Amino acid sequence: MTRLTKKHKKVVMQDEADFQHDMNLIPEKSMLVWYTHPAKELLKKDVESGVASTMYPKDLRETRIEYQDFPIQKFCSEVHHEKQRQRAKPFWQWFRNKEAREMHESQVNVMRNQWIQDNDEDVNQLREVLERWTPYSSDS
C-alpha cells in the first residue's frame, strides 16, 4: 500500500508540474474567461433593466468596451444564456421554496412530537403523585 501511494503521489506531482508548465506558456491576455470578467455583471444589469431586450446581442456588444473583449459569437451566447437564466429564476424559486417549506414542516413535527413526549412524562409523574396523595394524610 505504501509503494502504491508513493507511486500515485509521484504521478500527481508530475501532472501538477506539467500543468504549471503549460500555464506559463499561455499568454495572460488569452486567459480571458467570462465568469471572472466584469462584463458578466454588466450584462446581468443590462438584462435586468431591459436594455438587452431592446437590441440584438451584436448591437449590445458595441455599447460597452468590456463586452468587446469577447468575440461576437461568445458574447451572443452569453446574452442568450443570461436572458434564459433570469426568465427561469422564478420557476426554480418555487421549487426551492417548496423544499424549504417541507423541511420546515418536518422540523416542526419533530419538535411537536418531542414536546408532547416530554409533557406526557410530566403528566404521568403528576398523576402518580396525585394517586399516592390522600386528602387526610399527615404529609401536608
Protein backbone atom coordinates (compact mmCIF):
# COMPACT_ATOMS: atom_id res chain seq x y z
CA MET A 1 0.00 0.00 0.00
CA THR A 2 2.86 2.38 0.82
CA ARG A 3 4.50 1.77 -2.55
CA LEU A 4 1.20 2.31 -4.37
CA THR A 5 0.62 5.59 -2.51
CA LYS A 6 4.12 6.82 -3.34
CA LYS A 7 3.56 5.89 -6.99
CA HIS A 8 0.26 7.81 -7.12
CA LYS A 9 1.83 10.78 -5.36
CA LYS A 10 4.63 10.85 -7.93
CA VAL A 11 2.10 10.81 -10.81
CA VAL A 12 0.09 13.63 -9.23
CA MET A 13 3.19 15.75 -8.68
CA GLN A 14 4.25 15.21 -12.31
CA ASP A 15 0.76 16.16 -13.54
CA GLU A 16 0.86 19.32 -11.42
CA ALA A 17 4.29 20.26 -12.79
CA ASP A 18 3.07 19.67 -16.36
CA PHE A 19 0.03 21.84 -15.72
CA GLN A 20 2.09 24.70 -14.30
CA HIS A 21 4.47 24.46 -17.28
CA ASP A 22 1.57 24.66 -19.74
CA MET A 23 0.02 27.58 -17.84
CA ASN A 24 3.29 29.51 -18.10
CA LEU A 25 3.29 29.02 -21.87
CA ILE A 26 -0.15 30.62 -22.31
CA PRO A 27 -0.05 34.42 -22.58
CA GLU A 28 -2.02 36.36 -19.95
CA LYS A 29 -4.32 38.03 -22.50
CA SER A 30 -5.64 34.71 -23.79
CA MET A 31 -6.74 33.73 -20.27
CA LEU A 32 -9.91 35.77 -20.77
CA VAL A 33 -12.84 33.90 -19.24
CA TRP A 34 -16.44 35.03 -18.95
CA TYR A 35 -17.19 34.00 -15.38
CA THR A 36 -14.46 36.20 -13.88
CA HIS A 37 -14.76 39.13 -16.29
CA PRO A 38 -16.53 42.37 -15.25
CA ALA A 39 -18.66 42.12 -18.41
CA LYS A 40 -20.63 39.33 -16.77
CA GLU A 41 -22.01 41.62 -14.05
CA LEU A 42 -22.65 44.41 -16.54
CA LEU A 43 -24.64 42.03 -18.73
CA LYS A 44 -26.73 40.94 -15.74
CA LYS A 45 -27.65 44.57 -15.11
CA ASP A 46 -28.40 45.21 -18.79
CA VAL A 47 -30.70 42.20 -18.98
CA GLU A 48 -32.47 43.14 -15.72
CA SER A 49 -33.02 46.71 -16.87
CA GLY A 50 -34.37 45.59 -20.25
CA VAL A 51 -31.62 47.16 -22.35
CA ALA A 52 -30.67 43.74 -23.73
CA SER A 53 -34.24 43.14 -24.89
CA THR A 54 -34.36 46.29 -27.00
CA MET A 55 -31.48 45.38 -29.31
CA TYR A 56 -29.72 42.47 -30.91
CA PRO A 57 -26.80 40.98 -28.96
CA LYS A 58 -24.26 42.12 -31.56
CA ASP A 59 -25.54 45.71 -31.18
CA LEU A 60 -25.50 45.40 -27.39
CA ARG A 61 -21.86 44.30 -27.63
CA GLU A 62 -20.99 47.66 -29.15
CA THR A 63 -22.41 49.61 -26.19
CA ARG A 64 -19.64 48.74 -23.72
CA ILE A 65 -15.90 48.32 -24.04
CA GLU A 66 -15.94 45.36 -21.64
CA TYR A 67 -18.25 43.42 -23.97
CA GLN A 68 -15.88 43.90 -26.88
CA ASP A 69 -13.19 41.84 -25.16
CA PHE A 70 -15.11 38.75 -26.30
CA PRO A 71 -15.81 37.52 -29.83
CA ILE A 72 -19.32 38.17 -31.17
CA GLN A 73 -20.34 34.50 -31.03
CA LYS A 74 -19.23 34.08 -27.43
CA PHE A 75 -20.92 37.30 -26.34
CA CYS A 76 -24.17 36.47 -28.14
CA SER A 77 -24.34 33.06 -26.48
CA GLU A 78 -23.75 34.67 -23.06
CA VAL A 79 -26.54 37.19 -23.70
CA HIS A 80 -28.99 34.42 -24.54
CA HIS A 81 -27.82 32.38 -21.56
CA GLU A 82 -28.31 35.30 -19.17
CA LYS A 83 -31.78 36.06 -20.54
CA GLN A 84 -32.77 32.42 -20.08
CA ARG A 85 -31.30 32.33 -16.57
CA GLN A 86 -33.30 35.36 -15.48
CA ARG A 87 -36.52 34.06 -17.07
CA ALA A 88 -36.13 30.69 -15.33
CA LYS A 89 -35.30 32.13 -11.90
CA PRO A 90 -38.93 32.34 -10.64
CA PHE A 91 -39.53 28.76 -11.76
CA TRP A 92 -36.64 27.45 -9.68
CA GLN A 93 -37.55 29.68 -6.73
CA TRP A 94 -40.89 27.88 -6.45
CA PHE A 95 -39.10 24.51 -6.09
CA ARG A 96 -36.62 25.97 -3.62
CA ASN A 97 -39.45 27.38 -1.51
CA LYS A 98 -41.41 24.13 -1.67
CA GLU A 99 -38.41 22.12 -0.43
CA ALA A 100 -37.77 24.65 2.35
CA ARG A 101 -41.43 24.55 3.38
CA GLU A 102 -41.40 20.74 3.55
CA MET A 103 -38.17 20.75 5.55
CA HIS A 104 -39.64 23.32 7.97
CA GLU A 105 -42.81 21.28 8.42
CA SER A 106 -40.82 18.13 9.19
CA GLN A 107 -38.73 20.02 11.76
CA VAL A 108 -41.91 21.40 13.36
CA ASN A 109 -43.39 17.90 13.54
CA VAL A 110 -40.26 16.56 15.22
CA MET A 111 -40.32 19.40 17.75
CA ARG A 112 -44.08 18.90 18.34
CA ASN A 113 -43.65 15.17 18.95
CA GLN A 114 -40.75 15.85 21.32
CA TRP A 115 -42.81 18.42 23.22
CA ILE A 116 -45.73 16.01 23.54
CA GLN A 117 -43.42 13.23 24.71
CA ASP A 118 -41.74 15.48 27.29
CA ASN A 119 -45.06 16.73 28.62
CA ASP A 120 -46.53 13.22 28.76
CA GLU A 121 -43.78 12.30 31.20
CA ASP A 122 -44.64 15.32 33.37
CA VAL A 123 -48.34 14.49 33.30
CA ASN A 124 -47.64 10.87 34.22
CA GLN A 125 -45.46 11.96 37.15
CA LEU A 126 -48.16 14.35 38.37
CA ARG A 127 -50.80 11.60 38.06
CA GLU A 128 -48.66 9.23 40.13
CA VAL A 129 -48.17 11.85 42.86
CA LEU A 130 -51.90 12.54 42.99
CA GLU A 131 -52.74 8.85 43.16
CA ARG A 132 -50.47 8.42 46.19
CA TRP A 133 -51.81 11.51 47.92
CA THR A 134 -54.79 11.19 50.19
CA PRO A 135 -56.74 14.22 51.39
CA TYR A 136 -56.49 13.34 55.06
CA SER A 137 -52.83 12.38 55.20
CA SER A 138 -50.44 14.00 57.64
CA ASP A 139 -47.96 14.90 54.83
CA SER A 140 -49.45 18.31 54.19
